[in-house]
Amino acid sequence: MDNAQKAIMIGVGLFITIIVIAAVMLITGMGQDMLTSGQQQVSNISSSLQAQITSDFDGTTVTGAQVISAVKRYYTDENMVIVVNATTTHNADPSKNHHYGKIRGTNITGKHDTGYVADGIEAWETGKTPKKIGTLTDTSSSNKDYYVPNSAKYYANVIRIKGTDTVVGIFFERKI
């Protein structure tokens, strides 16, 4: 009888252990589902907030002071591409577009009256870096293509990922 009681106790112990393990797995699964849902909601809120913040620059005309302020605000943002074309003669030369910030847009195309799109965003390649913010306000710069006068007028447009409404940056183009 003693062996039978031990066998029953071991069986009950195994049964309780299996129930506890199943409960822990159930709770863990529910927690992972909640975490995934929460991450998706945060991502949606982030995209919505980014679009709302940058809507001030979607198809508007701004001053040079506002351009400088926007560049300084978004310069360290790892999700924003900032491009400024400060030249007074536009010739569709992409080398006149000066990138500021931690990332850059790939293959940015468009015009101030149609909007800008990019194939994507990526980190700067080794050896290549964006322009320094100081060039925006440096009147003594030998290259005036960088200088942004406070009173100059600029077309401001957001940059979207091609084929989506995802805003990834702002493009400022000087009015002639």
N, C-alpha and C. Protein backbone atom coordinates (compact mmCIF):
# COMPACT_ATOMS: atom_id res chain seq x y z
N MET A 1 0.82 -1.18 0.00
CA MET A 1 0.00 0.00 0.00
C MET A 1 0.87 1.25 0.00
N ASP A 2 1.97 1.16 0.65
CA ASP A 2 2.88 2.29 0.74
C ASP A 2 3.37 2.70 -0.65
N ASN A 3 3.66 1.72 -1.51
CA ASN A 3 4.11 2.02 -2.87
C ASN A 3 2.99 2.63 -3.70
N ALA A 4 1.77 2.20 -3.50
CA ALA A 4 0.62 2.72 -4.23
C ALA A 4 0.38 4.19 -3.86
N GLN A 5 0.53 4.52 -2.57
CA GLN A 5 0.36 5.92 -2.14
C GLN A 5 1.44 6.80 -2.75
N LYS A 6 2.66 6.30 -2.78
CA LYS A 6 3.76 7.06 -3.38
C LYS A 6 3.50 7.29 -4.86
N ALA A 7 3.01 6.28 -5.56
CA ALA A 7 2.72 6.40 -6.99
C ALA A 7 1.62 7.42 -7.22
N ILE A 8 0.57 7.39 -6.38
CA ILE A 8 -0.52 8.36 -6.51
C ILE A 8 -0.01 9.77 -6.24
N MET A 9 0.82 9.96 -5.24
CA MET A 9 1.37 11.28 -4.91
C MET A 9 2.25 11.81 -6.05
N ILE A 10 3.05 10.93 -6.62
CA ILE A 10 3.90 11.33 -7.75
C ILE A 10 3.01 11.72 -8.93
N GLY A 11 1.96 10.94 -9.20
CA GLY A 11 1.03 11.25 -10.28
C GLY A 11 0.34 12.58 -10.07
N VAL A 12 -0.12 12.84 -8.85
CA VAL A 12 -0.78 14.11 -8.53
C VAL A 12 0.23 15.26 -8.68
N GLY A 13 1.45 15.06 -8.23
CA GLY A 13 2.49 16.09 -8.36
C GLY A 13 2.78 16.42 -9.82
N LEU A 14 2.88 15.38 -10.66
CA LEU A 14 3.11 15.61 -12.09
C LEU A 14 1.93 16.34 -12.72
N PHE A 15 0.70 15.96 -12.35
CA PHE A 15 -0.49 16.60 -12.87
C PHE A 15 -0.52 18.09 -12.51
N ILE A 16 -0.20 18.41 -11.26
CA ILE A 16 -0.18 19.81 -10.80
C ILE A 16 0.93 20.58 -11.54
N THR A 17 2.08 19.94 -11.72
CA THR A 17 3.19 20.58 -12.44
C THR A 17 2.78 20.89 -13.87
N ILE A 18 2.11 19.96 -14.54
CA ILE A 18 1.66 20.19 -15.91
C ILE A 18 0.66 21.34 -15.96
N ILE A 19 -0.25 21.42 -15.02
CA ILE A 19 -1.24 22.51 -14.97
C ILE A 19 -0.54 23.86 -14.76
N VAL A 20 0.44 23.89 -13.86
CA VAL A 20 1.18 25.14 -13.61
C VAL A 20 1.94 25.57 -14.86
N ILE A 21 2.60 24.64 -15.54
CA ILE A 21 3.35 24.97 -16.76
C ILE A 21 2.39 25.48 -17.84
N ALA A 22 1.25 24.82 -18.00
CA ALA A 22 0.26 25.26 -19.00
C ALA A 22 -0.24 26.67 -18.67
N ALA A 23 -0.48 26.96 -17.42
CA ALA A 23 -0.95 28.29 -17.02
C ALA A 23 0.11 29.35 -17.31
N VAL A 24 1.36 29.05 -17.01
CA VAL A 24 2.46 29.99 -17.27
C VAL A 24 2.58 30.25 -18.77
N MET A 25 2.48 29.20 -19.58
CA MET A 25 2.57 29.37 -21.04
C MET A 25 1.39 30.20 -21.56
N LEU A 26 0.20 29.97 -21.03
CA LEU A 26 -0.97 30.74 -21.43
C LEU A 26 -0.79 32.22 -21.10
N ILE A 27 -0.34 32.50 -19.91
CA ILE A 27 -0.12 33.89 -19.48
C ILE A 27 0.97 34.54 -20.33
N THR A 28 2.04 33.80 -20.61
CA THR A 28 3.13 34.34 -21.43
C THR A 28 2.64 34.65 -22.84
N GLY A 29 1.85 33.76 -23.41
CA GLY A 29 1.30 34.00 -24.75
C GLY A 29 0.42 35.22 -24.79
N MET A 30 -0.43 35.38 -23.78
CA MET A 30 -1.29 36.56 -23.71
C MET A 30 -0.45 37.82 -23.57
N GLY A 31 0.60 37.75 -22.79
CA GLY A 31 1.49 38.90 -22.61
C GLY A 31 2.18 39.29 -23.90
N GLN A 32 2.62 38.30 -24.66
CA GLN A 32 3.27 38.59 -25.95
C GLN A 32 2.29 39.22 -26.93
N ASP A 33 1.06 38.74 -26.95
CA ASP A 33 0.04 39.33 -27.82
C ASP A 33 -0.22 40.78 -27.44
N MET A 34 -0.31 41.04 -26.14
CA MET A 34 -0.53 42.40 -25.67
C MET A 34 0.65 43.29 -26.02
N LEU A 35 1.86 42.78 -25.89
CA LEU A 35 3.07 43.54 -26.21
C LEU A 35 3.11 43.88 -27.70
N THR A 36 2.80 42.91 -28.54
CA THR A 36 2.78 43.14 -29.99
C THR A 36 1.73 44.19 -30.35
N SER A 37 0.56 44.08 -29.76
CA SER A 37 -0.50 45.05 -30.00
C SER A 37 -0.08 46.45 -29.55
N GLY A 38 0.55 46.52 -28.40
CA GLY A 38 1.02 47.81 -27.88
C GLY A 38 2.08 48.43 -28.77
N GLN A 39 3.00 47.61 -29.27
CA GLN A 39 4.03 48.13 -30.16
C GLN A 39 3.43 48.67 -31.45
N GLN A 40 2.43 47.98 -31.99
CA GLN A 40 1.77 48.44 -33.21
C GLN A 40 1.05 49.76 -32.96
N GLN A 41 0.40 49.89 -31.81
CA GLN A 41 -0.29 51.13 -31.49
C GLN A 41 0.69 52.29 -31.34
N VAL A 42 1.82 52.04 -30.69
CA VAL A 42 2.85 53.08 -30.53
C VAL A 42 3.39 53.49 -31.90
N SER A 43 3.61 52.53 -32.77
CA SER A 43 4.09 52.82 -34.11
C SER A 43 3.08 53.68 -34.87
N ASN A 44 1.81 53.34 -34.78
CA ASN A 44 0.76 54.12 -35.45
C ASN A 44 0.68 55.53 -34.89
N ILE A 45 0.77 55.66 -33.58
CA ILE A 45 0.74 56.97 -32.95
C ILE A 45 1.94 57.80 -33.37
N SER A 46 3.11 57.16 -33.43
CA SER A 46 4.34 57.85 -33.84
C SER A 46 4.22 58.37 -35.27
N SER A 47 3.72 57.54 -36.18
CA SER A 47 3.55 57.96 -37.57
C SER A 47 2.54 59.10 -37.67
N SER A 48 1.46 59.00 -36.93
CA SER A 48 0.44 60.03 -36.93
C SER A 48 0.98 61.35 -36.38
N LEU A 49 1.73 61.26 -35.30
CA LEU A 49 2.32 62.45 -34.69
C LEU A 49 3.33 63.09 -35.62
N GLN A 50 4.15 62.28 -36.28
CA GLN A 50 5.14 62.80 -37.22
C GLN A 50 4.44 63.53 -38.36
N ALA A 51 3.37 62.96 -38.88
CA ALA A 51 2.63 63.60 -39.97
C ALA A 51 2.00 64.91 -39.50
N GLN A 52 1.49 64.92 -38.27
CA GLN A 52 0.87 66.12 -37.73
C GLN A 52 1.90 67.23 -37.53
N ILE A 53 3.05 66.86 -37.00
CA ILE A 53 4.10 67.85 -36.74
C ILE A 53 4.61 68.44 -38.05
N THR A 54 4.80 67.60 -39.06
CA THR A 54 5.35 68.08 -40.32
C THR A 54 4.30 68.68 -41.25
N SER A 55 3.03 68.61 -40.90
CA SER A 55 1.98 69.16 -41.77
C SER A 55 2.15 70.68 -41.94
N ASP A 56 2.81 71.33 -41.00
CA ASP A 56 3.07 72.76 -41.12
C ASP A 56 3.96 73.06 -42.33
N PHE A 57 4.67 72.05 -42.81
CA PHE A 57 5.62 72.24 -43.91
C PHE A 57 5.14 71.58 -45.19
N ASP A 58 3.89 71.20 -45.26
CA ASP A 58 3.40 70.49 -46.44
C ASP A 58 2.77 71.47 -47.43
N GLY A 59 3.54 71.84 -48.44
CA GLY A 59 3.04 72.73 -49.49
C GLY A 59 2.87 74.16 -49.05
N THR A 60 3.71 74.61 -48.13
CA THR A 60 3.60 75.99 -47.64
C THR A 60 4.82 76.80 -48.03
N THR A 61 4.72 78.08 -47.82
CA THR A 61 5.85 78.98 -48.00
C THR A 61 6.29 79.43 -46.62
N VAL A 62 7.60 79.31 -46.35
CA VAL A 62 8.14 79.68 -45.05
C VAL A 62 9.32 80.62 -45.23
N THR A 63 9.71 81.26 -44.15
CA THR A 63 10.87 82.15 -44.19
C THR A 63 12.14 81.36 -43.89
N GLY A 64 13.27 82.00 -44.18
CA GLY A 64 14.56 81.38 -43.88
C GLY A 64 14.71 81.08 -42.40
N ALA A 65 14.18 81.96 -41.55
CA ALA A 65 14.25 81.72 -40.10
C ALA A 65 13.51 80.44 -39.71
N GLN A 66 12.37 80.19 -40.36
CA GLN A 66 11.63 78.96 -40.09
C GLN A 66 12.38 77.74 -40.60
N VAL A 67 13.08 77.89 -41.72
CA VAL A 67 13.90 76.79 -42.25
C VAL A 67 14.99 76.44 -41.26
N ILE A 68 15.70 77.46 -40.79
CA ILE A 68 16.79 77.23 -39.83
C ILE A 68 16.25 76.58 -38.56
N SER A 69 15.11 77.06 -38.08
CA SER A 69 14.49 76.49 -36.89
C SER A 69 14.12 75.02 -37.10
N ALA A 70 13.54 74.70 -38.26
CA ALA A 70 13.15 73.31 -38.54
C ALA A 70 14.37 72.41 -38.64
N VAL A 71 15.42 72.89 -39.28
CA VAL A 71 16.64 72.08 -39.40
C VAL A 71 17.22 71.81 -38.02
N LYS A 72 17.26 72.84 -37.19
CA LYS A 72 17.79 72.65 -35.83
C LYS A 72 16.92 71.71 -35.01
N ARG A 73 15.61 71.75 -35.22
CA ARG A 73 14.69 70.89 -34.48
C ARG A 73 14.84 69.42 -34.88
N TYR A 74 15.00 69.16 -36.18
CA TYR A 74 15.01 67.78 -36.67
C TYR A 74 16.41 67.23 -36.97
N TYR A 75 17.45 68.03 -36.76
CA TYR A 75 18.81 67.63 -37.10
C TYR A 75 19.23 66.32 -36.43
N THR A 76 18.82 66.10 -35.20
CA THR A 76 19.23 64.90 -34.47
C THR A 76 18.19 63.79 -34.51
N ASP A 77 17.09 63.99 -35.20
CA ASP A 77 16.04 62.98 -35.28
C ASP A 77 16.47 61.89 -36.25
N GLU A 78 16.49 60.67 -35.77
CA GLU A 78 16.95 59.54 -36.59
C GLU A 78 15.90 59.04 -37.56
N ASN A 79 14.76 59.71 -37.61
CA ASN A 79 13.68 59.30 -38.53
C ASN A 79 13.33 60.39 -39.52
N MET A 80 14.10 61.46 -39.56
CA MET A 80 13.76 62.59 -40.42
C MET A 80 14.91 62.93 -41.38
N VAL A 81 14.55 63.12 -42.63
CA VAL A 81 15.46 63.58 -43.67
C VAL A 81 15.19 65.07 -43.84
N ILE A 82 16.21 65.89 -43.77
CA ILE A 82 16.06 67.33 -43.97
C ILE A 82 16.93 67.74 -45.16
N VAL A 83 16.30 68.33 -46.17
CA VAL A 83 17.01 68.76 -47.37
C VAL A 83 16.72 70.23 -47.61
N VAL A 84 17.78 71.01 -47.87
CA VAL A 84 17.63 72.43 -48.15
C VAL A 84 18.33 72.75 -49.46
N ASN A 85 17.60 73.40 -50.37
CA ASN A 85 18.20 73.93 -51.58
C ASN A 85 18.13 75.44 -51.45
N ALA A 86 19.26 76.05 -51.08
CA ALA A 86 19.30 77.48 -50.78
C ALA A 86 19.80 78.31 -51.95
N THR A 87 20.02 77.69 -53.10
CA THR A 87 20.54 78.44 -54.25
C THR A 87 19.48 79.38 -54.80
N THR A 88 19.93 80.45 -55.42
CA THR A 88 19.00 81.41 -56.01
C THR A 88 18.79 81.12 -57.50
N THR A 89 19.51 80.15 -58.04
CA THR A 89 19.29 79.72 -59.43
C THR A 89 19.09 78.22 -59.42
N HIS A 90 17.91 77.79 -59.78
CA HIS A 90 17.61 76.35 -59.76
C HIS A 90 17.88 75.76 -61.13
N ASN A 91 18.59 74.69 -61.15
CA ASN A 91 18.89 74.03 -62.41
C ASN A 91 18.71 72.52 -62.31
N ALA A 92 17.90 72.07 -61.37
CA ALA A 92 17.61 70.64 -61.17
C ALA A 92 18.87 69.83 -60.90
N ASP A 93 19.89 70.48 -60.38
CA ASP A 93 21.13 69.78 -60.05
C ASP A 93 21.03 69.26 -58.62
N PRO A 94 20.92 67.93 -58.44
CA PRO A 94 20.78 67.38 -57.09
C PRO A 94 21.96 67.69 -56.18
N SER A 95 23.11 68.05 -56.75
CA SER A 95 24.26 68.38 -55.90
C SER A 95 24.03 69.68 -55.14
N LYS A 96 23.05 70.47 -55.55
CA LYS A 96 22.72 71.71 -54.85
C LYS A 96 21.79 71.47 -53.66
N ASN A 97 21.30 70.25 -53.52
CA ASN A 97 20.47 69.90 -52.39
C ASN A 97 21.37 69.51 -51.23
N HIS A 98 21.28 70.21 -50.12
CA HIS A 98 22.14 69.97 -48.98
C HIS A 98 21.36 69.24 -47.89
N HIS A 99 21.89 68.09 -47.50
CA HIS A 99 21.23 67.23 -46.52
C HIS A 99 21.74 67.54 -45.12
N TYR A 100 20.82 67.60 -44.19
CA TYR A 100 21.15 67.82 -42.78
C TYR A 100 20.52 66.69 -41.99
N GLY A 101 21.18 66.23 -40.95
CA GLY A 101 20.59 65.22 -40.09
C GLY A 101 21.34 63.90 -40.08
N LYS A 102 20.76 62.93 -39.38
CA LYS A 102 21.42 61.65 -39.16
C LYS A 102 21.17 60.64 -40.28
N ILE A 103 20.11 60.83 -41.07
CA ILE A 103 19.82 59.91 -42.16
C ILE A 103 19.64 60.70 -43.44
N ARG A 104 19.58 59.99 -44.56
CA ARG A 104 19.35 60.65 -45.84
C ARG A 104 18.30 59.88 -46.61
N GLY A 105 17.67 60.58 -47.51
CA GLY A 105 16.69 59.94 -48.38
C GLY A 105 17.37 59.37 -49.60
N THR A 106 16.90 58.25 -50.09
CA THR A 106 17.47 57.67 -51.29
C THR A 106 16.61 58.04 -52.49
N ASN A 107 17.27 58.59 -53.50
CA ASN A 107 16.62 58.94 -54.76
C ASN A 107 15.40 59.83 -54.54
N ILE A 108 15.62 61.01 -53.97
CA ILE A 108 14.53 61.97 -53.75
C ILE A 108 14.20 62.64 -55.07
N THR A 109 12.92 62.58 -55.46
CA THR A 109 12.48 63.21 -56.71
C THR A 109 11.24 64.04 -56.44
N GLY A 110 10.97 64.97 -57.35
CA GLY A 110 9.76 65.77 -57.25
C GLY A 110 10.07 67.25 -57.39
N LYS A 111 9.02 68.07 -57.26
CA LYS A 111 9.13 69.52 -57.35
C LYS A 111 8.27 70.12 -56.25
N HIS A 112 8.52 71.40 -55.95
CA HIS A 112 7.78 72.05 -54.87
C HIS A 112 6.28 72.09 -55.13
N ASP A 113 5.85 72.07 -56.39
CA ASP A 113 4.42 72.12 -56.66
C ASP A 113 3.77 70.74 -56.76
N THR A 114 4.57 69.68 -56.81
CA THR A 114 4.00 68.33 -56.88
C THR A 114 4.34 67.49 -55.66
N GLY A 115 5.26 67.95 -54.83
CA GLY A 115 5.68 67.19 -53.66
C GLY A 115 6.90 66.34 -53.97
N TYR A 116 7.49 65.81 -52.92
CA TYR A 116 8.71 65.02 -53.05
C TYR A 116 8.50 63.61 -52.53
N VAL A 117 9.13 62.65 -53.21
CA VAL A 117 9.09 61.27 -52.77
C VAL A 117 10.51 60.73 -52.74
N ALA A 118 10.71 59.74 -51.88
CA ALA A 118 12.01 59.08 -51.77
C ALA A 118 11.78 57.57 -51.86
N ASP A 119 12.74 56.88 -52.43
CA ASP A 119 12.64 55.42 -52.49
C ASP A 119 12.72 54.82 -51.09
N GLY A 120 13.42 55.50 -50.20
CA GLY A 120 13.58 55.01 -48.84
C GLY A 120 14.49 55.93 -48.06
N ILE A 121 14.87 55.50 -46.87
CA ILE A 121 15.81 56.25 -46.05
C ILE A 121 16.92 55.30 -45.63
N GLU A 122 18.09 55.86 -45.40
CA GLU A 122 19.22 55.04 -44.96
C GLU A 122 20.21 55.89 -44.19
N ALA A 123 21.06 55.22 -43.47
CA ALA A 123 22.11 55.91 -42.72
C ALA A 123 23.16 56.43 -43.71
N TRP A 124 23.90 57.40 -43.28
CA TRP A 124 24.97 57.95 -44.12
C TRP A 124 26.06 56.91 -44.33
N GLU A 125 26.61 56.87 -45.53
CA GLU A 125 27.69 55.95 -45.84
C GLU A 125 28.96 56.41 -45.11
N THR A 126 29.84 55.46 -44.84
CA THR A 126 31.11 55.78 -44.20
C THR A 126 31.87 56.77 -45.07
N GLY A 127 32.37 57.81 -44.45
CA GLY A 127 33.13 58.82 -45.17
C GLY A 127 32.28 59.97 -45.69
N LYS A 128 30.98 59.79 -45.78
CA LYS A 128 30.08 60.85 -46.22
C LYS A 128 29.28 61.32 -45.02
N THR A 129 29.12 62.61 -44.89
CA THR A 129 28.38 63.14 -43.76
C THR A 129 27.48 64.28 -44.23
N PRO A 130 26.44 64.56 -43.48
CA PRO A 130 25.59 65.69 -43.84
C PRO A 130 26.31 67.01 -43.55
N LYS A 131 25.76 68.08 -44.06
CA LYS A 131 26.34 69.40 -43.82
C LYS A 131 26.16 69.79 -42.36
N LYS A 132 27.06 70.61 -41.87
CA LYS A 132 26.95 71.10 -40.50
C LYS A 132 25.89 72.20 -40.45
N ILE A 133 25.21 72.29 -39.34
CA ILE A 133 24.14 73.28 -39.19
C ILE A 133 24.69 74.70 -39.32
N GLY A 134 25.91 74.92 -38.88
CA GLY A 134 26.49 76.25 -38.93
C GLY A 134 26.52 76.86 -40.31
N THR A 135 26.56 76.03 -41.36
CA THR A 135 26.60 76.55 -42.72
C THR A 135 25.32 77.28 -43.11
N LEU A 136 24.24 77.01 -42.40
CA LEU A 136 22.96 77.68 -42.71
C LEU A 136 23.01 79.18 -42.43
N THR A 137 23.75 79.55 -41.40
CA THR A 137 23.77 80.96 -40.97
C THR A 137 25.13 81.63 -41.17
N ASP A 138 26.04 80.96 -41.85
CA ASP A 138 27.40 81.48 -42.02
C ASP A 138 27.47 82.40 -43.24
N THR A 139 27.37 83.70 -43.00
CA THR A 139 27.40 84.66 -44.11
C THR A 139 28.78 84.80 -44.71
N SER A 140 29.81 84.38 -43.99
CA SER A 140 31.17 84.50 -44.52
C SER A 140 31.57 83.28 -45.33
N SER A 141 30.68 82.31 -45.46
CA SER A 141 30.99 81.09 -46.21
C SER A 141 31.32 81.45 -47.65
N SER A 142 32.34 80.79 -48.19
CA SER A 142 32.71 81.04 -49.58
C SER A 142 31.66 80.44 -50.52
N ASN A 143 30.92 79.47 -50.07
CA ASN A 143 29.88 78.87 -50.89
C ASN A 143 28.52 79.35 -50.40
N LYS A 144 27.94 80.30 -51.08
CA LYS A 144 26.66 80.89 -50.67
C LYS A 144 25.48 79.95 -50.91
N ASP A 145 25.73 78.79 -51.52
CA ASP A 145 24.65 77.83 -51.74
C ASP A 145 24.17 77.22 -50.43
N TYR A 146 24.94 77.39 -49.35
CA TYR A 146 24.56 76.84 -48.05
C TYR A 146 23.81 77.85 -47.20
N TYR A 147 24.08 79.13 -47.41
CA TYR A 147 23.56 80.19 -46.54
C TYR A 147 22.05 80.36 -46.70
N VAL A 148 21.34 80.44 -45.58
CA VAL A 148 19.88 80.64 -45.57
C VAL A 148 19.60 81.99 -44.91
N PRO A 149 19.29 83.02 -45.71
CA PRO A 149 18.96 84.32 -45.12
C PRO A 149 17.64 84.24 -44.36
N ASN A 150 17.56 84.92 -43.23
CA ASN A 150 16.36 84.88 -42.40
C ASN A 150 15.11 85.36 -43.13
N SER A 151 15.25 86.33 -43.99
CA SER A 151 14.08 86.90 -44.64
C SER A 151 13.74 86.25 -45.99
N ALA A 152 14.58 85.36 -46.49
CA ALA A 152 14.30 84.71 -47.78
C ALA A 152 13.08 83.82 -47.65
N LYS A 153 12.42 83.60 -48.77
CA LYS A 153 11.22 82.74 -48.80
C LYS A 153 11.60 81.38 -49.39
N TYR A 154 10.99 80.34 -48.81
CA TYR A 154 11.26 78.97 -49.24
C TYR A 154 9.95 78.22 -49.41
N TYR A 155 9.92 77.37 -50.44
CA TYR A 155 8.84 76.40 -50.56
C TYR A 155 9.16 75.27 -49.59
N ALA A 156 8.19 74.83 -48.83
CA ALA A 156 8.40 73.72 -47.90
C ALA A 156 7.44 72.59 -48.27
N ASN A 157 7.98 71.40 -48.40
CA ASN A 157 7.17 70.22 -48.69
C ASN A 157 7.71 69.05 -47.91
N VAL A 158 6.81 68.17 -47.53
CA VAL A 158 7.26 66.95 -46.86
C VAL A 158 7.77 65.97 -47.90
N ILE A 159 8.63 65.07 -47.45
CA ILE A 159 9.13 63.99 -48.30
C ILE A 159 8.45 62.72 -47.83
N ARG A 160 7.84 62.01 -48.75
CA ARG A 160 7.15 60.77 -48.42
C ARG A 160 7.87 59.59 -49.07
N ILE A 161 7.69 58.41 -48.47
CA ILE A 161 8.19 57.20 -49.11
C ILE A 161 7.32 56.94 -50.34
N LYS A 162 7.95 56.63 -51.44
CA LYS A 162 7.25 56.42 -52.70
C LYS A 162 6.13 55.38 -52.54
N GLY A 163 4.93 55.76 -52.97
CA GLY A 163 3.79 54.85 -52.94
C GLY A 163 3.08 54.76 -51.60
N THR A 164 3.49 55.56 -50.60
CA THR A 164 2.83 55.54 -49.30
C THR A 164 2.58 56.97 -48.83
N ASP A 165 1.92 57.08 -47.69
CA ASP A 165 1.72 58.39 -47.07
C ASP A 165 2.69 58.60 -45.92
N THR A 166 3.68 57.75 -45.79
CA THR A 166 4.63 57.83 -44.69
C THR A 166 5.57 59.01 -44.89
N VAL A 167 5.53 59.97 -43.97
CA VAL A 167 6.38 61.15 -44.04
C VAL A 167 7.74 60.82 -43.43
N VAL A 168 8.80 61.09 -44.20
CA VAL A 168 10.15 60.79 -43.71
C VAL A 168 11.04 62.02 -43.66
N GLY A 169 10.54 63.17 -44.11
CA GLY A 169 11.40 64.34 -44.08
C GLY A 169 10.73 65.58 -44.62
N ILE A 170 11.55 66.63 -44.72
CA ILE A 170 11.08 67.93 -45.21
C ILE A 170 12.09 68.43 -46.24
N PHE A 171 11.59 68.97 -47.34
CA PHE A 171 12.42 69.53 -48.40
C PHE A 171 12.12 71.03 -48.48
N PHE A 172 13.15 71.85 -48.33
CA PHE A 172 13.01 73.30 -48.44
C PHE A 172 13.71 73.76 -49.71
N GLU A 173 12.98 74.48 -50.56
CA GLU A 173 13.55 74.99 -51.80
C GLU A 173 13.34 76.49 -51.87
N ARG A 174 14.43 77.21 -52.08
CA ARG A 174 14.34 78.69 -52.08
C ARG A 174 13.54 79.18 -53.26
N LYS A 175 12.67 80.15 -52.98
CA LYS A 175 11.91 80.81 -54.05
C LYS A 175 12.85 81.76 -54.77
N ILE A 176 12.66 81.88 -56.06
CA ILE A 176 13.51 82.79 -56.84
C ILE A 176 12.78 84.10 -57.03
